[in-house]
């Protein structure tokens, strides 16, 4: 349980293993379909791209 600011508590929402497995399976199908449509300078949540890569490109 996690304490809430108002004094109450809530359950910690940890995804189940099956949920994570399904998310990964869907991502493996959808990423190859949609990723080629993104512009090359798009770095958010892309495979093999990171915030560090975006900073390197943005620096003069």
PDB file of N, CA and C in Angstrom:
ATOM      1  N   UNK A   1       0.841  -1.185   0.000  1.00  0.00           N
ATOM      2  CA  UNK A   1       0.000   0.000   0.000  1.00  0.00           C
ATOM      3  C   UNK A   1       0.888   1.251   0.000  1.00  0.00           C
ATOM      4  N   UNK A   2       0.418   2.268  -0.701  1.00  0.00           N
ATOM      5  CA  UNK A   2       1.145   3.533  -0.788  1.00  0.00           C
ATOM      6  C   UNK A   2       0.302   4.614  -0.122  1.00  0.00           C
ATOM      7  N   UNK A   3       0.905   5.393   0.791  1.00  0.00           N
ATOM      8  CA  UNK A   3       0.147   6.455   1.443  1.00  0.00           C
ATOM      9  C   UNK A   3      -0.221   7.570   0.459  1.00  0.00           C
ATOM     10  N   UNK A   4      -1.434   8.114   0.598  1.00  0.00           N
ATOM     11  CA  UNK A   4      -1.900   9.226  -0.224  1.00  0.00           C
ATOM     12  C   UNK A   4      -1.805  10.510   0.596  1.00  0.00           C
ATOM     13  N   UNK A   5      -1.683  11.659  -0.072  1.00  0.00           N
ATOM     14  CA  UNK A   5      -1.552  12.925   0.652  1.00  0.00           C
ATOM     15  C   UNK A   5      -2.711  13.206   1.617  1.00  0.00           C
ATOM     16  N   UNK A   6      -3.905  12.691   1.318  1.00  0.00           N
ATOM     17  CA  UNK A   6      -5.053  12.968   2.184  1.00  0.00           C
ATOM     18  C   UNK A   6      -5.133  12.016   3.385  1.00  0.00           C
ATOM     19  N   UNK A   7      -4.129  11.167   3.546  1.00  0.00           N
ATOM     20  CA  UNK A   7      -4.108  10.249   4.676  1.00  0.00           C
ATOM     21  C   UNK A   7      -4.563   8.848   4.343  1.00  0.00           C
ATOM     22  N   UNK A   8      -5.181   8.649   3.201  1.00  0.00           N
ATOM     23  CA  UNK A   8      -5.625   7.312   2.808  1.00  0.00           C
ATOM     24  C   UNK A   8      -4.480   6.509   2.219  1.00  0.00           C
ATOM     25  N   UNK A   9      -4.798   5.343   1.699  1.00  0.00           N
ATOM     26  CA  UNK A   9      -3.803   4.496   1.055  1.00  0.00           C
ATOM     27  C   UNK A   9      -4.366   3.954  -0.256  1.00  0.00           C
ATOM     28  N   UNK A  10      -3.448   3.596  -1.153  1.00  0.00           N
ATOM     29  CA  UNK A  10      -3.858   2.953  -2.396  1.00  0.00           C
ATOM     30  C   UNK A  10      -2.919   1.809  -2.678  1.00  0.00           C
ATOM     31  N   UNK A  11      -3.392   0.844  -3.462  1.00  0.00           N
ATOM     32  CA  UNK A  11      -2.559  -0.290  -3.832  1.00  0.00           C
ATOM     33  C   UNK A  11      -1.531   0.128  -4.866  1.00  0.00           C
ATOM     34  N   UNK A  12      -0.352  -0.436  -4.774  1.00  0.00           N
ATOM     35  CA  UNK A  12       0.684  -0.194  -5.764  1.00  0.00           C
ATOM     36  C   UNK A  12       0.320  -0.959  -7.026  1.00  0.00           C
ATOM     37  N   UNK A  13       0.190  -0.262  -8.159  1.00  0.00           N
ATOM     38  CA  UNK A  13      -0.207  -0.910  -9.409  1.00  0.00           C
ATOM     39  C   UNK A  13       0.981  -1.458 -10.162  1.00  0.00           C
ATOM     40  N   UNK A  14       1.307  -2.716  -9.967  1.00  0.00           N
ATOM     41  CA  UNK A  14       2.408  -3.367 -10.673  1.00  0.00           C
ATOM     42  C   UNK A  14       1.805  -4.288 -11.724  1.00  0.00           C
ATOM     43  N   UNK A  15       2.149  -4.060 -13.009  1.00  0.00           N
ATOM     44  CA  UNK A  15       1.574  -4.908 -14.046  1.00  0.00           C
ATOM     45  C   UNK A  15       1.984  -6.368 -13.872  1.00  0.00           C
ATOM     46  N   UNK A  16       1.092  -7.234 -14.163  1.00  0.00           N
ATOM     47  CA  UNK A  16       1.358  -8.668 -14.069  1.00  0.00           C
ATOM     48  C   UNK A  16       2.266  -9.097 -15.223  1.00  0.00           C
ATOM     49  N   UNK A  17       2.897 -10.225 -15.054  1.00  0.00           N
ATOM     50  CA  UNK A  17       3.800 -10.751 -16.076  1.00  0.00           C
ATOM     51  C   UNK A  17       3.060 -10.953 -17.394  1.00  0.00           C
ATOM     52  N   UNK A  18       1.849 -11.455 -17.333  1.00  0.00           N
ATOM     53  CA  UNK A  18       1.081 -11.674 -18.558  1.00  0.00           C
ATOM     54  C   UNK A  18       0.804 -10.352 -19.274  1.00  0.00           C
ATOM     55  N   UNK A  19       0.490  -9.291 -18.517  1.00  0.00           N
ATOM     56  CA  UNK A  19       0.264  -7.980 -19.120  1.00  0.00           C
ATOM     57  C   UNK A  19       1.516  -7.506 -19.871  1.00  0.00           C
ATOM     58  N   UNK A  20       2.672  -7.662 -19.245  1.00  0.00           N
ATOM     59  CA  UNK A  20       3.927  -7.225 -19.859  1.00  0.00           C
ATOM     60  C   UNK A  20       4.232  -8.059 -21.106  1.00  0.00           C
ATOM     61  N   UNK A  21       3.949  -9.348 -21.051  1.00  0.00           N
ATOM     62  CA  UNK A  21       4.169 -10.225 -22.198  1.00  0.00           C
ATOM     63  C   UNK A  21       3.309  -9.795 -23.385  1.00  0.00           C
ATOM     64  N   UNK A  22       2.060  -9.482 -23.125  1.00  0.00           N
ATOM     65  CA  UNK A  22       1.145  -9.046 -24.185  1.00  0.00           C
ATOM     66  C   UNK A  22       1.582  -7.693 -24.750  1.00  0.00           C
ATOM     67  N   UNK A  23       1.996  -6.764 -23.878  1.00  0.00           N
ATOM     68  CA  UNK A  23       2.474  -5.456 -24.340  1.00  0.00           C
ATOM     69  C   UNK A  23       3.669  -5.618 -25.274  1.00  0.00           C
ATOM     70  N   UNK A  24       4.602  -6.491 -24.895  1.00  0.00           N
ATOM     71  CA  UNK A  24       5.802  -6.692 -25.704  1.00  0.00           C
ATOM     72  C   UNK A  24       5.461  -7.337 -27.044  1.00  0.00           C
ATOM     73  N   UNK A  25       4.549  -8.291 -27.040  1.00  0.00           N
ATOM     74  CA  UNK A  25       4.149  -8.949 -28.285  1.00  0.00           C
ATOM     75  C   UNK A  25       3.506  -7.952 -29.245  1.00  0.00           C
ATOM     76  N   UNK A  26       2.652  -7.096 -28.724  1.00  0.00           N
ATOM     77  CA  UNK A  26       2.010  -6.080 -29.569  1.00  0.00           C
ATOM     78  C   UNK A  26       3.048  -5.102 -30.100  1.00  0.00           C
ATOM     79  N   UNK A  27       3.978  -4.682 -29.255  1.00  0.00           N
ATOM     80  CA  UNK A  27       5.019  -3.742 -29.683  1.00  0.00           C
ATOM     81  C   UNK A  27       5.877  -4.345 -30.788  1.00  0.00           C
ATOM     82  N   UNK A  28       6.195  -5.630 -30.699  1.00  0.00           N
ATOM     83  CA  UNK A  28       7.021  -6.264 -31.723  1.00  0.00           C
ATOM     84  C   UNK A  28       6.324  -6.293 -33.079  1.00  0.00           C
ATOM     85  N   UNK A  29       5.010  -6.272 -33.088  1.00  0.00           N
ATOM     86  CA  UNK A  29       4.264  -6.244 -34.348  1.00  0.00           C
ATOM     87  C   UNK A  29       4.108  -4.809 -34.852  1.00  0.00           C
ATOM     88  N   UNK A  30       3.783  -3.883 -33.962  1.00  0.00           N
ATOM     89  CA  UNK A  30       3.452  -2.523 -34.389  1.00  0.00           C
ATOM     90  C   UNK A  30       4.662  -1.641 -34.686  1.00  0.00           C
ATOM     91  N   UNK A  31       5.753  -1.806 -33.957  1.00  0.00           N
ATOM     92  CA  UNK A  31       6.919  -0.941 -34.168  1.00  0.00           C
ATOM     93  C   UNK A  31       7.446  -1.045 -35.599  1.00  0.00           C
ATOM     94  N   UNK A  32       7.651  -2.232 -36.154  1.00  0.00           N
ATOM     95  CA  UNK A  32       8.134  -2.286 -37.544  1.00  0.00           C
ATOM     96  C   UNK A  32       7.153  -1.690 -38.554  1.00  0.00           C
ATOM     97  N   UNK A  33       5.881  -1.669 -38.234  1.00  0.00           N
ATOM     98  CA  UNK A  33       4.885  -1.117 -39.154  1.00  0.00           C
ATOM     99  C   UNK A  33       4.916   0.406 -39.134  1.00  0.00           C
ATOM    100  N   UNK A  34       4.971   0.997 -37.939  1.00  0.00           N
ATOM    101  CA  UNK A  34       4.838   2.444 -37.826  1.00  0.00           C
ATOM    102  C   UNK A  34       6.154   3.199 -37.748  1.00  0.00           C
ATOM    103  N   UNK A  35       7.212   2.594 -37.263  1.00  0.00           N
ATOM    104  CA  UNK A  35       8.479   3.303 -37.077  1.00  0.00           C
ATOM    105  C   UNK A  35       9.030   3.911 -38.363  1.00  0.00           C
ATOM    106  N   UNK A  36       8.972   3.230 -39.509  1.00  0.00           N
ATOM    107  CA  UNK A  36       9.500   3.846 -40.730  1.00  0.00           C
ATOM    108  C   UNK A  36       8.783   5.135 -41.136  1.00  0.00           C
ATOM    109  N   UNK A  37       7.582   5.356 -40.642  1.00  0.00           N
ATOM    110  CA  UNK A  37       6.838   6.561 -40.991  1.00  0.00           C
ATOM    111  C   UNK A  37       7.233   7.791 -40.197  1.00  0.00           C
ATOM    112  N   UNK A  38       8.030   7.611 -39.147  1.00  0.00           N
ATOM    113  CA  UNK A  38       8.463   8.754 -38.345  1.00  0.00           C
ATOM    114  C   UNK A  38       9.643   9.445 -39.013  1.00  0.00           C
ATOM    115  N   UNK A  39       9.738  10.739 -38.813  1.00  0.00           N
ATOM    116  CA  UNK A  39      10.870  11.480 -39.367  1.00  0.00           C
ATOM    117  C   UNK A  39      12.143  11.083 -38.631  1.00  0.00           C
ATOM    118  N   UNK A  40      13.283  11.130 -39.301  1.00  0.00           N
ATOM    119  CA  UNK A  40      14.542  10.678 -38.683  1.00  0.00           C
ATOM    120  C   UNK A  40      14.937  11.451 -37.424  1.00  0.00           C
ATOM    121  N   UNK A  41      14.472  12.693 -37.283  1.00  0.00           N
ATOM    122  CA  UNK A  41      14.853  13.494 -36.113  1.00  0.00           C
ATOM    123  C   UNK A  41      13.914  13.291 -34.929  1.00  0.00           C
ATOM    124  N   UNK A  42      13.015  12.320 -35.009  1.00  0.00           N
ATOM    125  CA  UNK A  42      12.125  11.987 -33.901  1.00  0.00           C
ATOM    126  C   UNK A  42      12.827  10.971 -33.001  1.00  0.00           C
ATOM    127  N   UNK A  43      13.044  11.336 -31.726  1.00  0.00           N
ATOM    128  CA  UNK A  43      13.816  10.482 -30.829  1.00  0.00           C
ATOM    129  C   UNK A  43      12.993   9.901 -29.690  1.00  0.00           C
ATOM    130  N   UNK A  44      11.755  10.310 -29.505  1.00  0.00           N
ATOM    131  CA  UNK A  44      10.964   9.863 -28.362  1.00  0.00           C
ATOM    132  C   UNK A  44      10.491   8.433 -28.473  1.00  0.00           C
ATOM    133  N   UNK A  45      10.882   7.591 -27.538  1.00  0.00           N
ATOM    134  CA  UNK A  45      10.417   6.203 -27.428  1.00  0.00           C
ATOM    135  C   UNK A  45      10.630   5.416 -28.719  1.00  0.00           C
ATOM    136  N   UNK A  46      11.783   5.606 -29.334  1.00  0.00           N
ATOM    137  CA  UNK A  46      12.106   4.900 -30.572  1.00  0.00           C
ATOM    138  C   UNK A  46      13.195   3.883 -30.317  1.00  0.00           C
ATOM    139  N   UNK A  47      13.153   2.744 -31.008  1.00  0.00           N
ATOM    140  CA  UNK A  47      14.214   1.753 -30.833  1.00  0.00           C
ATOM    141  C   UNK A  47      15.561   2.317 -31.293  1.00  0.00           C
ATOM    142  N   UNK A  48      16.584   2.034 -30.542  1.00  0.00           N
ATOM    143  CA  UNK A  48      17.958   2.451 -30.856  1.00  0.00           C
ATOM    144  C   UNK A  48      18.158   3.960 -30.901  1.00  0.00           C
ATOM    145  N   UNK A  49      17.281   4.712 -30.254  1.00  0.00           N
ATOM    146  CA  UNK A  49      17.447   6.159 -30.146  1.00  0.00           C
ATOM    147  C   UNK A  49      17.231   6.538 -28.688  1.00  0.00           C
ATOM    148  N   UNK A  50      17.937   7.569 -28.242  1.00  0.00           N
ATOM    149  CA  UNK A  50      17.834   7.956 -26.845  1.00  0.00           C
ATOM    150  C   UNK A  50      17.822   9.473 -26.718  1.00  0.00           C
ATOM    151  N   UNK A  51      17.564   9.936 -25.525  1.00  0.00           N
ATOM    152  CA  UNK A  51      17.612  11.371 -25.254  1.00  0.00           C
ATOM    153  C   UNK A  51      19.024  11.892 -25.460  1.00  0.00           C
ATOM    154  N   UNK A  52      20.023  11.082 -25.152  1.00  0.00           N
ATOM    155  CA  UNK A  52      21.419  11.496 -25.368  1.00  0.00           C
ATOM    156  C   UNK A  52      21.691  11.709 -26.851  1.00  0.00           C
ATOM    157  N   UNK A  53      21.132  10.844 -27.700  1.00  0.00           N
ATOM    158  CA  UNK A  53      21.290  11.021 -29.147  1.00  0.00           C
ATOM    159  C   UNK A  53      20.663  12.331 -29.600  1.00  0.00           C
ATOM    160  N   UNK A  54      19.502  12.651 -29.073  1.00  0.00           N
ATOM    161  CA  UNK A  54      18.808  13.891 -29.442  1.00  0.00           C
ATOM    162  C   UNK A  54      19.639  15.108 -29.046  1.00  0.00           C
ATOM    163  N   UNK A  55      20.240  15.068 -27.870  1.00  0.00           N
ATOM    164  CA  UNK A  55      21.079  16.193 -27.412  1.00  0.00           C
ATOM    165  C   UNK A  55      22.287  16.330 -28.322  1.00  0.00           C
ATOM    166  N   UNK A  56      22.927  15.205 -28.694  1.00  0.00           N
ATOM    167  CA  UNK A  56      24.095  15.274 -29.590  1.00  0.00           C
ATOM    168  C   UNK A  56      23.728  15.925 -30.924  1.00  0.00           C
ATOM    169  N   UNK A  57      22.561  15.601 -31.459  1.00  0.00           N
ATOM    170  CA  UNK A  57      22.138  16.175 -32.734  1.00  0.00           C
ATOM    171  C   UNK A  57      21.796  17.653 -32.593  1.00  0.00           C
ATOM    172  N   UNK A  58      21.234  18.039 -31.462  1.00  0.00           N
ATOM    173  CA  UNK A  58      20.794  19.424 -31.259  1.00  0.00           C
ATOM    174  C   UNK A  58      21.952  20.376 -30.974  1.00  0.00           C
ATOM    175  N   UNK A  59      23.035  19.856 -30.452  1.00  0.00           N
ATOM    176  CA  UNK A  59      24.185  20.734 -30.146  1.00  0.00           C
ATOM    177  C   UNK A  59      24.869  21.168 -31.414  1.00  0.00           C
ATOM    178  N   UNK A  60      25.279  22.455 -31.464  1.00  0.00           N
ATOM    179  CA  UNK A  60      25.956  22.955 -32.670  1.00  0.00           C
ATOM    180  C   UNK A  60      27.352  22.405 -32.825  1.00  0.00           C
TER     181      UNK A  60
END
